[in-house]
Amino acid sequence: MPDQYTNRTARLEARIAPEALAVVRRAAEIQGRSVSDFVVAAAQEAAQKTVSEVEVIRLSREAQEQFVKLLTRPPKLNPAMKKAFARHRNLVRK
């Protein structure tokens, strides 16, 4: 694709209290960024953190060991699981 299509930017507008804008301006100035760049970077960082909190599963050491154990040495299937697998197999084939 030509650069004119891959480098498009989207516009984001927001209302902000004057006191909050003053803090944002000061923080942007400290980092040597424009207000717009500062806000986008902060929003992106917050968004990535929010998404990772939902998508990344964190386990304790004990839970990690139990998970690996179940993957490497799964328990024998009980009759209900065998029936469920057979039913799934029949449903997927159709």
PDB file of N, CA and C in Angstrom:
ATOM      1  N   MET A   1       0.827  -1.187   0.000  1.00  0.00           N
ATOM      2  CA  MET A   1       0.000   0.000   0.000  1.00  0.00           C
ATOM      3  C   MET A   1       0.868   1.246   0.000  1.00  0.00           C
ATOM      4  N   PRO A   2       0.444   2.281  -0.664  1.00  0.00           N
ATOM      5  CA  PRO A   2       1.207   3.523  -0.622  1.00  0.00           C
ATOM      6  C   PRO A   2       1.224   4.099   0.792  1.00  0.00           C
ATOM      7  N   ASP A   3       2.280   4.867   1.073  1.00  0.00           N
ATOM      8  CA  ASP A   3       2.422   5.457   2.404  1.00  0.00           C
ATOM      9  C   ASP A   3       1.231   6.304   2.808  1.00  0.00           C
ATOM     10  N   GLN A   4       0.592   6.949   1.849  1.00  0.00           N
ATOM     11  CA  GLN A   4      -0.526   7.824   2.204  1.00  0.00           C
ATOM     12  C   GLN A   4      -1.662   7.057   2.859  1.00  0.00           C
ATOM     13  N   TYR A   5      -1.737   5.745   2.639  1.00  0.00           N
ATOM     14  CA  TYR A   5      -2.798   4.952   3.263  1.00  0.00           C
ATOM     15  C   TYR A   5      -2.335   4.298   4.556  1.00  0.00           C
ATOM     16  N   THR A   6      -1.066   3.909   4.630  1.00  0.00           N
ATOM     17  CA  THR A   6      -0.593   3.210   5.827  1.00  0.00           C
ATOM     18  C   THR A   6      -0.247   4.165   6.959  1.00  0.00           C
ATOM     19  N   ASN A   7      -0.028   5.439   6.662  1.00  0.00           N
ATOM     20  CA  ASN A   7       0.357   6.390   7.701  1.00  0.00           C
ATOM     21  C   ASN A   7      -0.764   7.345   8.080  1.00  0.00           C
ATOM     22  N   ARG A   8      -1.961   6.969   7.817  1.00  0.00           N
ATOM     23  CA  ARG A   8      -3.074   7.849   8.186  1.00  0.00           C
ATOM     24  C   ARG A   8      -3.130   8.010   9.684  1.00  0.00           C
ATOM     25  N   THR A   9      -3.634   9.136  10.096  1.00  0.00           N
ATOM     26  CA  THR A   9      -3.828   9.367  11.524  1.00  0.00           C
ATOM     27  C   THR A   9      -5.305   9.605  11.783  1.00  0.00           C
ATOM     28  N   ALA A  10      -5.727   9.241  12.957  1.00  0.00           N
ATOM     29  CA  ALA A  10      -7.114   9.458  13.357  1.00  0.00           C
ATOM     30  C   ALA A  10      -7.137  10.604  14.358  1.00  0.00           C
ATOM     31  N   ARG A  11      -8.217  11.288  14.394  1.00  0.00           N
ATOM     32  CA  ARG A  11      -8.347  12.431  15.291  1.00  0.00           C
ATOM     33  C   ARG A  11      -9.116  11.990  16.541  1.00  0.00           C
ATOM     34  N   LEU A  12      -8.668  12.473  17.677  1.00  0.00           N
ATOM     35  CA  LEU A  12      -9.325  12.190  18.947  1.00  0.00           C
ATOM     36  C   LEU A  12      -9.530  13.520  19.656  1.00  0.00           C
ATOM     37  N   GLU A  13     -10.752  13.775  20.069  1.00  0.00           N
ATOM     38  CA  GLU A  13     -11.046  15.015  20.787  1.00  0.00           C
ATOM     39  C   GLU A  13     -11.527  14.672  22.182  1.00  0.00           C
ATOM     40  N   ALA A  14     -11.202  15.548  23.122  1.00  0.00           N
ATOM     41  CA  ALA A  14     -11.651  15.340  24.491  1.00  0.00           C
ATOM     42  C   ALA A  14     -11.790  16.685  25.182  1.00  0.00           C
ATOM     43  N   ARG A  15     -12.730  16.790  26.066  1.00  0.00           N
ATOM     44  CA  ARG A  15     -12.884  17.969  26.908  1.00  0.00           C
ATOM     45  C   ARG A  15     -12.107  17.698  28.192  1.00  0.00           C
ATOM     46  N   ILE A  16     -11.409  18.701  28.669  1.00  0.00           N
ATOM     47  CA  ILE A  16     -10.595  18.520  29.862  1.00  0.00           C
ATOM     48  C   ILE A  16     -10.685  19.789  30.714  1.00  0.00           C
ATOM     49  N   ALA A  17     -10.703  19.595  32.011  1.00  0.00           N
ATOM     50  CA  ALA A  17     -10.748  20.733  32.932  1.00  0.00           C
ATOM     51  C   ALA A  17      -9.449  21.526  32.801  1.00  0.00           C
ATOM     52  N   PRO A  18      -9.541  22.823  32.933  1.00  0.00           N
ATOM     53  CA  PRO A  18      -8.334  23.659  32.807  1.00  0.00           C
ATOM     54  C   PRO A  18      -7.197  23.234  33.740  1.00  0.00           C
ATOM     55  N   GLU A  19      -7.523  22.834  34.956  1.00  0.00           N
ATOM     56  CA  GLU A  19      -6.489  22.399  35.907  1.00  0.00           C
ATOM     57  C   GLU A  19      -5.798  21.129  35.418  1.00  0.00           C
ATOM     58  N   ALA A  20      -6.579  20.216  34.876  1.00  0.00           N
ATOM     59  CA  ALA A  20      -6.010  18.972  34.357  1.00  0.00           C
ATOM     60  C   ALA A  20      -5.138  19.262  33.141  1.00  0.00           C
ATOM     61  N   LEU A  21      -5.587  20.175  32.286  1.00  0.00           N
ATOM     62  CA  LEU A  21      -4.800  20.540  31.109  1.00  0.00           C
ATOM     63  C   LEU A  21      -3.475  21.168  31.522  1.00  0.00           C
ATOM     64  N   ALA A  22      -3.497  21.958  32.557  1.00  0.00           N
ATOM     65  CA  ALA A  22      -2.258  22.572  33.032  1.00  0.00           C
ATOM     66  C   ALA A  22      -1.256  21.512  33.469  1.00  0.00           C
ATOM     67  N   VAL A  23      -1.726  20.481  34.159  1.00  0.00           N
ATOM     68  CA  VAL A  23      -0.845  19.387  34.601  1.00  0.00           C
ATOM     69  C   VAL A  23      -0.329  18.620  33.396  1.00  0.00           C
ATOM     70  N   VAL A  24      -1.201  18.346  32.439  1.00  0.00           N
ATOM     71  CA  VAL A  24      -0.793  17.619  31.228  1.00  0.00           C
ATOM     72  C   VAL A  24       0.243  18.433  30.454  1.00  0.00           C
ATOM     73  N   ARG A  25       0.003  19.716  30.314  1.00  0.00           N
ATOM     74  CA  ARG A  25       0.971  20.585  29.619  1.00  0.00           C
ATOM     75  C   ARG A  25       2.332  20.552  30.323  1.00  0.00           C
ATOM     76  N   ARG A  26       2.309  20.634  31.630  1.00  0.00           N
ATOM     77  CA  ARG A  26       3.559  20.623  32.407  1.00  0.00           C
ATOM     78  C   ARG A  26       4.277  19.293  32.226  1.00  0.00           C
ATOM     79  N   ALA A  27       3.558  18.205  32.302  1.00  0.00           N
ATOM     80  CA  ALA A  27       4.172  16.878  32.139  1.00  0.00           C
ATOM     81  C   ALA A  27       4.742  16.720  30.729  1.00  0.00           C
ATOM     82  N   ALA A  28       4.010  17.182  29.736  1.00  0.00           N
ATOM     83  CA  ALA A  28       4.493  17.110  28.351  1.00  0.00           C
ATOM     84  C   ALA A  28       5.760  17.936  28.202  1.00  0.00           C
ATOM     85  N   GLU A  29       5.772  19.097  28.806  1.00  0.00           N
ATOM     86  CA  GLU A  29       6.944  19.977  28.758  1.00  0.00           C
ATOM     87  C   GLU A  29       8.155  19.306  29.407  1.00  0.00           C
ATOM     88  N   ILE A  30       7.941  18.676  30.547  1.00  0.00           N
ATOM     89  CA  ILE A  30       9.031  17.980  31.252  1.00  0.00           C
ATOM     90  C   ILE A  30       9.628  16.892  30.372  1.00  0.00           C
ATOM     91  N   GLN A  31       8.787  16.185  29.633  1.00  0.00           N
ATOM     92  CA  GLN A  31       9.261  15.101  28.763  1.00  0.00           C
ATOM     93  C   GLN A  31       9.713  15.602  27.391  1.00  0.00           C
ATOM     94  N   GLY A  32       9.551  16.888  27.144  1.00  0.00           N
ATOM     95  CA  GLY A  32       9.967  17.429  25.853  1.00  0.00           C
ATOM     96  C   GLY A  32       9.068  16.987  24.715  1.00  0.00           C
ATOM     97  N   ARG A  33       7.801  16.798  25.010  1.00  0.00           N
ATOM     98  CA  ARG A  33       6.820  16.349  24.010  1.00  0.00           C
ATOM     99  C   ARG A  33       5.763  17.416  23.819  1.00  0.00           C
ATOM    100  N   SER A  34       5.043  17.265  22.716  1.00  0.00           N
ATOM    101  CA  SER A  34       3.861  18.102  22.546  1.00  0.00           C
ATOM    102  C   SER A  34       2.771  17.538  23.445  1.00  0.00           C
ATOM    103  N   VAL A  35       1.776  18.359  23.739  1.00  0.00           N
ATOM    104  CA  VAL A  35       0.651  17.892  24.548  1.00  0.00           C
ATOM    105  C   VAL A  35      -0.021  16.715  23.853  1.00  0.00           C
ATOM    106  N   SER A  36      -0.212  16.842  22.546  1.00  0.00           N
ATOM    107  CA  SER A  36      -0.861  15.780  21.784  1.00  0.00           C
ATOM    108  C   SER A  36      -0.064  14.474  21.876  1.00  0.00           C
ATOM    109  N   ASP A  37       1.236  14.542  21.672  1.00  0.00           N
ATOM    110  CA  ASP A  37       2.075  13.348  21.749  1.00  0.00           C
ATOM    111  C   ASP A  37       2.047  12.745  23.146  1.00  0.00           C
ATOM    112  N   PHE A  38       2.107  13.597  24.162  1.00  0.00           N
ATOM    113  CA  PHE A  38       2.066  13.117  25.537  1.00  0.00           C
ATOM    114  C   PHE A  38       0.758  12.386  25.823  1.00  0.00           C
ATOM    115  N   VAL A  39      -0.357  12.996  25.430  1.00  0.00           N
ATOM    116  CA  VAL A  39      -1.674  12.408  25.694  1.00  0.00           C
ATOM    117  C   VAL A  39      -1.829  11.079  24.961  1.00  0.00           C
ATOM    118  N   VAL A  40      -1.404  11.033  23.697  1.00  0.00           N
ATOM    119  CA  VAL A  40      -1.516   9.786  22.926  1.00  0.00           C
ATOM    120  C   VAL A  40      -0.674   8.695  23.571  1.00  0.00           C
ATOM    121  N   ALA A  41       0.558   9.022  23.942  1.00  0.00           N
ATOM    122  CA  ALA A  41       1.433   8.023  24.564  1.00  0.00           C
ATOM    123  C   ALA A  41       0.849   7.523  25.881  1.00  0.00           C
ATOM    124  N   ALA A  42       0.328   8.443  26.694  1.00  0.00           N
ATOM    125  CA  ALA A  42      -0.255   8.053  27.983  1.00  0.00           C
ATOM    126  C   ALA A  42      -1.508   7.193  27.779  1.00  0.00           C
ATOM    127  N   ALA A  43      -2.331   7.572  26.818  1.00  0.00           N
ATOM    128  CA  ALA A  43      -3.553   6.795  26.540  1.00  0.00           C
ATOM    129  C   ALA A  43      -3.194   5.411  26.023  1.00  0.00           C
ATOM    130  N   GLN A  44      -2.205   5.339  25.148  1.00  0.00           N
ATOM    131  CA  GLN A  44      -1.809   4.041  24.601  1.00  0.00           C
ATOM    132  C   GLN A  44      -1.236   3.142  25.694  1.00  0.00           C
ATOM    133  N   GLU A  45      -0.424   3.714  26.565  1.00  0.00           N
ATOM    134  CA  GLU A  45       0.143   2.938  27.671  1.00  0.00           C
ATOM    135  C   GLU A  45      -0.961   2.408  28.584  1.00  0.00           C
ATOM    136  N   ALA A  46      -1.927   3.258  28.913  1.00  0.00           N
ATOM    137  CA  ALA A  46      -3.039   2.840  29.770  1.00  0.00           C
ATOM    138  C   ALA A  46      -3.885   1.778  29.076  1.00  0.00           C
ATOM    139  N   ALA A  47      -4.092   1.932  27.773  1.00  0.00           N
ATOM    140  CA  ALA A  47      -4.885   0.950  27.018  1.00  0.00           C
ATOM    141  C   ALA A  47      -4.183  -0.395  26.984  1.00  0.00           C
ATOM    142  N   GLN A  48      -2.868  -0.381  26.728  1.00  0.00           N
ATOM    143  CA  GLN A  48      -2.120  -1.645  26.686  1.00  0.00           C
ATOM    144  C   GLN A  48      -2.143  -2.347  28.037  1.00  0.00           C
ATOM    145  N   LYS A  49      -2.035  -1.575  29.109  1.00  0.00           N
ATOM    146  CA  LYS A  49      -2.088  -2.157  30.451  1.00  0.00           C
ATOM    147  C   LYS A  49      -3.458  -2.786  30.701  1.00  0.00           C
ATOM    148  N   THR A  50      -4.506  -2.100  30.321  1.00  0.00           N
ATOM    149  CA  THR A  50      -5.864  -2.613  30.511  1.00  0.00           C
ATOM    150  C   THR A  50      -6.077  -3.899  29.731  1.00  0.00           C
ATOM    151  N   VAL A  51      -5.645  -3.909  28.481  1.00  0.00           N
ATOM    152  CA  VAL A  51      -5.810  -5.098  27.638  1.00  0.00           C
ATOM    153  C   VAL A  51      -4.994  -6.259  28.194  1.00  0.00           C
ATOM    154  N   SER A  52      -3.758  -6.008  28.608  1.00  0.00           N
ATOM    155  CA  SER A  52      -2.932  -7.105  29.122  1.00  0.00           C
ATOM    156  C   SER A  52      -3.490  -7.672  30.422  1.00  0.00           C
ATOM    157  N   GLU A  53      -4.142  -6.837  31.224  1.00  0.00           N
ATOM    158  CA  GLU A  53      -4.749  -7.335  32.462  1.00  0.00           C
ATOM    159  C   GLU A  53      -5.853  -8.342  32.177  1.00  0.00           C
ATOM    160  N   VAL A  54      -6.488  -8.211  31.013  1.00  0.00           N
ATOM    161  CA  VAL A  54      -7.569  -9.121  30.641  1.00  0.00           C
ATOM    162  C   VAL A  54      -7.026 -10.332  29.881  1.00  0.00           C
ATOM    163  N   GLU A  55      -6.016 -10.112  29.045  1.00  0.00           N
ATOM    164  CA  GLU A  55      -5.538 -11.169  28.161  1.00  0.00           C
ATOM    165  C   GLU A  55      -4.440 -12.043  28.763  1.00  0.00           C
ATOM    166  N   VAL A  56      -3.699 -11.536  29.708  1.00  0.00           N
ATOM    167  CA  VAL A  56      -2.583 -12.281  30.285  1.00  0.00           C
ATOM    168  C   VAL A  56      -3.050 -12.945  31.572  1.00  0.00           C
ATOM    169  N   ILE A  57      -2.838 -14.231  31.647  1.00  0.00           N
ATOM    170  CA  ILE A  57      -3.209 -14.984  32.842  1.00  0.00           C
ATOM    171  C   ILE A  57      -1.964 -15.121  33.710  1.00  0.00           C
ATOM    172  N   ARG A  58      -2.064 -14.663  34.920  1.00  0.00           N
ATOM    173  CA  ARG A  58      -0.930 -14.754  35.843  1.00  0.00           C
ATOM    174  C   ARG A  58      -1.234 -15.862  36.854  1.00  0.00           C
ATOM    175  N   LEU A  59      -0.257 -16.742  37.014  1.00  0.00           N
ATOM    176  CA  LEU A  59      -0.414 -17.864  37.932  1.00  0.00           C
ATOM    177  C   LEU A  59       0.684 -17.836  38.983  1.00  0.00           C
ATOM    178  N   SER A  60       0.338 -18.291  40.173  1.00  0.00           N
ATOM    179  CA  SER A  60       1.350 -18.451  41.210  1.00  0.00           C
ATOM    180  C   SER A  60       2.301 -19.569  40.779  1.00  0.00           C
ATOM    181  N   ARG A  61       3.417 -19.665  41.441  1.00  0.00           N
ATOM    182  CA  ARG A  61       4.393 -20.734  41.123  1.00  0.00           C
ATOM    183  C   ARG A  61       3.723 -22.106  41.253  1.00  0.00           C
ATOM    184  N   GLU A  62       2.969 -22.283  42.314  1.00  0.00           N
ATOM    185  CA  GLU A  62       2.288 -23.560  42.556  1.00  0.00           C
ATOM    186  C   GLU A  62       1.289 -23.864  41.438  1.00  0.00           C
ATOM    187  N   ALA A  63       0.527 -22.856  41.030  1.00  0.00           N
ATOM    188  CA  ALA A  63      -0.446 -23.051  39.952  1.00  0.00           C
ATOM    189  C   ALA A  63       0.245 -23.340  38.630  1.00  0.00           C
ATOM    190  N   GLN A  64       1.401 -22.700  38.380  1.00  0.00           N
ATOM    191  CA  GLN A  64       2.162 -22.972  37.157  1.00  0.00           C
ATOM    192  C   GLN A  64       2.618 -24.435  37.121  1.00  0.00           C
ATOM    193  N   GLU A  65       3.118 -24.899  38.257  1.00  0.00           N
ATOM    194  CA  GLU A  65       3.599 -26.284  38.332  1.00  0.00           C
ATOM    195  C   GLU A  65       2.449 -27.268  38.127  1.00  0.00           C
ATOM    196  N   GLN A  66       1.301 -26.978  38.712  1.00  0.00           N
ATOM    197  CA  GLN A  66       0.130 -27.834  38.544  1.00  0.00           C
ATOM    198  C   GLN A  66      -0.331 -27.841  37.087  1.00  0.00           C
ATOM    199  N   PHE A  67      -0.316 -26.683  36.439  1.00  0.00           N
ATOM    200  CA  PHE A  67      -0.712 -26.560  35.038  1.00  0.00           C
ATOM    201  C   PHE A  67       0.202 -27.398  34.150  1.00  0.00           C
ATOM    202  N   VAL A  68       1.505 -27.286  34.346  1.00  0.00           N
ATOM    203  CA  VAL A  68       2.465 -28.054  33.548  1.00  0.00           C
ATOM    204  C   VAL A  68       2.284 -29.541  33.803  1.00  0.00           C
ATOM    205  N   LYS A  69       2.070 -29.917  35.040  1.00  0.00           N
ATOM    206  CA  LYS A  69       1.857 -31.329  35.386  1.00  0.00           C
ATOM    207  C   LYS A  69       0.647 -31.890  34.645  1.00  0.00           C
ATOM    208  N   LEU A  70      -0.437 -31.127  34.624  1.00  0.00           N
ATOM    209  CA  LEU A  70      -1.648 -31.586  33.931  1.00  0.00           C
ATOM    210  C   LEU A  70      -1.451 -31.654  32.416  1.00  0.00           C
ATOM    211  N   LEU A  71      -0.631 -30.764  31.877  1.00  0.00           N
ATOM    212  CA  LEU A  71      -0.348 -30.813  30.439  1.00  0.00           C
ATOM    213  C   LEU A  71       0.537 -31.994  30.078  1.00  0.00           C
ATOM    214  N   THR A  72       1.549 -32.251  30.900  1.00  0.00           N
ATOM    215  CA  THR A  72       2.503 -33.313  30.585  1.00  0.00           C
ATOM    216  C   THR A  72       2.022 -34.690  31.015  1.00  0.00           C
ATOM    217  N   ARG A  73       1.211 -34.743  32.058  1.00  0.00           N
ATOM    218  CA  ARG A  73       0.668 -36.024  32.533  1.00  0.00           C
ATOM    219  C   ARG A  73      -0.814 -35.869  32.815  1.00  0.00           C
ATOM    220  N   PRO A  74      -1.621 -35.767  31.754  1.00  0.00           N
ATOM    221  CA  PRO A  74      -3.054 -35.553  31.979  1.00  0.00           C
ATOM    222  C   PRO A  74      -3.691 -36.753  32.679  1.00  0.00           C
ATOM    223  N   PRO A  75      -4.737 -36.497  33.460  1.00  0.00           N
ATOM    224  CA  PRO A  75      -5.419 -37.606  34.129  1.00  0.00           C
ATOM    225  C   PRO A  75      -6.161 -38.468  33.111  1.00  0.00           C
ATOM    226  N   LYS A  76      -6.436 -39.698  33.499  1.00  0.00           N
ATOM    227  CA  LYS A  76      -7.200 -40.589  32.620  1.00  0.00           C
ATOM    228  C   LYS A  76      -8.620 -40.047  32.468  1.00  0.00           C
ATOM    229  N   LEU A  77      -9.173 -40.269  31.287  1.00  0.00           N
ATOM    230  CA  LEU A  77     -10.522 -39.781  31.026  1.00  0.00           C
ATOM    231  C   LEU A  77     -11.550 -40.627  31.779  1.00  0.00           C
ATOM    232  N   ASN A  78     -12.473 -39.939  32.419  1.00  0.00           N
ATOM    233  CA  ASN A  78     -13.563 -40.652  33.070  1.00  0.00           C
ATOM    234  C   ASN A  78     -14.672 -40.872  32.029  1.00  0.00           C
ATOM    235  N   PRO A  79     -15.684 -41.679  32.332  1.00  0.00           N
ATOM    236  CA  PRO A  79     -16.743 -41.964  31.353  1.00  0.00           C
ATOM    237  C   PRO A  79     -17.437 -40.708  30.815  1.00  0.00           C
ATOM    238  N   ALA A  80     -17.657 -39.712  31.652  1.00  0.00           N
ATOM    239  CA  ALA A  80     -18.322 -38.488  31.198  1.00  0.00           C
ATOM    240  C   ALA A  80     -17.469 -37.748  30.167  1.00  0.00           C
ATOM    241  N   MET A  81     -16.158 -37.692  30.384  1.00  0.00           N
ATOM    242  CA  MET A  81     -15.273 -37.030  29.427  1.00  0.00           C
ATOM    243  C   MET A  81     -15.208 -37.817  28.118  1.00  0.00           C
ATOM    244  N   LYS A  82     -15.164 -39.131  28.199  1.00  0.00           N
ATOM    245  CA  LYS A  82     -15.153 -39.948  26.975  1.00  0.00           C
ATOM    246  C   LYS A  82     -16.413 -39.694  26.161  1.00  0.00           C
ATOM    247  N   LYS A  83     -17.551 -39.622  26.861  1.00  0.00           N
ATOM    248  CA  LYS A  83     -18.821 -39.360  26.188  1.00  0.00           C
ATOM    249  C   LYS A  83     -18.818 -37.959  25.551  1.00  0.00           C
ATOM    250  N   ALA A  84     -18.269 -36.978  26.274  1.00  0.00           N
ATOM    251  CA  ALA A  84     -18.206 -35.607  25.755  1.00  0.00           C
ATOM    252  C   ALA A  84     -17.316 -35.530  24.513  1.00  0.00           C
ATOM    253  N   PHE A  85     -16.181 -36.208  24.540  1.00  0.00           N
ATOM    254  CA  PHE A  85     -15.296 -36.221  23.366  1.00  0.00           C
ATOM    255  C   PHE A  85     -15.967 -36.874  22.171  1.00  0.00           C
ATOM    256  N   ALA A  86     -16.659 -37.985  22.413  1.00  0.00           N
ATOM    257  CA  ALA A  86     -17.356 -38.669  21.324  1.00  0.00           C
ATOM    258  C   ALA A  86     -18.446 -37.770  20.746  1.00  0.00           C
ATOM    259  N   ARG A  87     -19.177 -37.105  21.598  1.00  0.00           N
ATOM    260  CA  ARG A  87     -20.235 -36.195  21.141  1.00  0.00           C
ATOM    261  C   ARG A  87     -19.641 -35.032  20.346  1.00  0.00           C
ATOM    262  N   HIS A  88     -18.555 -34.483  20.818  1.00  0.00           N
ATOM    263  CA  HIS A  88     -17.878 -33.394  20.106  1.00  0.00           C
ATOM    264  C   HIS A  88     -17.409 -33.867  18.738  1.00  0.00           C
ATOM    265  N   ARG A  89     -16.811 -35.043  18.698  1.00  0.00           N
ATOM    266  CA  ARG A  89     -16.317 -35.604  17.443  1.00  0.00           C
ATOM    267  C   ARG A  89     -17.464 -35.723  16.440  1.00  0.00           C
ATOM    268  N   ASN A  90     -18.612 -36.212  16.891  1.00  0.00           N
ATOM    269  CA  ASN A  90     -19.780 -36.352  16.007  1.00  0.00           C
ATOM    270  C   ASN A  90     -20.305 -34.994  15.529  1.00  0.00           C
ATOM    271  N   LEU A  91     -20.301 -34.011  16.411  1.00  0.00           N
ATOM    272  CA  LEU A  91     -20.786 -32.691  16.039  1.00  0.00           C
ATOM    273  C   LEU A  91     -19.838 -31.993  15.043  1.00  0.00           C
ATOM    274  N   VAL A  92     -18.558 -32.169  15.230  1.00  0.00           N
ATOM    275  CA  VAL A  92     -17.577 -31.500  14.384  1.00  0.00           C
ATOM    276  C   VAL A  92     -17.539 -32.120  12.998  1.00  0.00           C
ATOM    277  N   ARG A  93     -17.750 -33.411  12.886  1.00  0.00           N
ATOM    278  CA  ARG A  93     -17.710 -34.088  11.596  1.00  0.00           C
ATOM    279  C   ARG A  93     -18.833 -33.643  10.684  1.00  0.00           C
ATOM    280  N   LYS A  94     -19.963 -33.244  11.240  1.00  0.00           N
ATOM    281  CA  LYS A  94     -21.140 -32.923  10.425  1.00  0.00           C
ATOM    282  C   LYS A  94     -21.074 -31.553   9.856  1.00  0.00           C
TER     283      LYS A  94
END
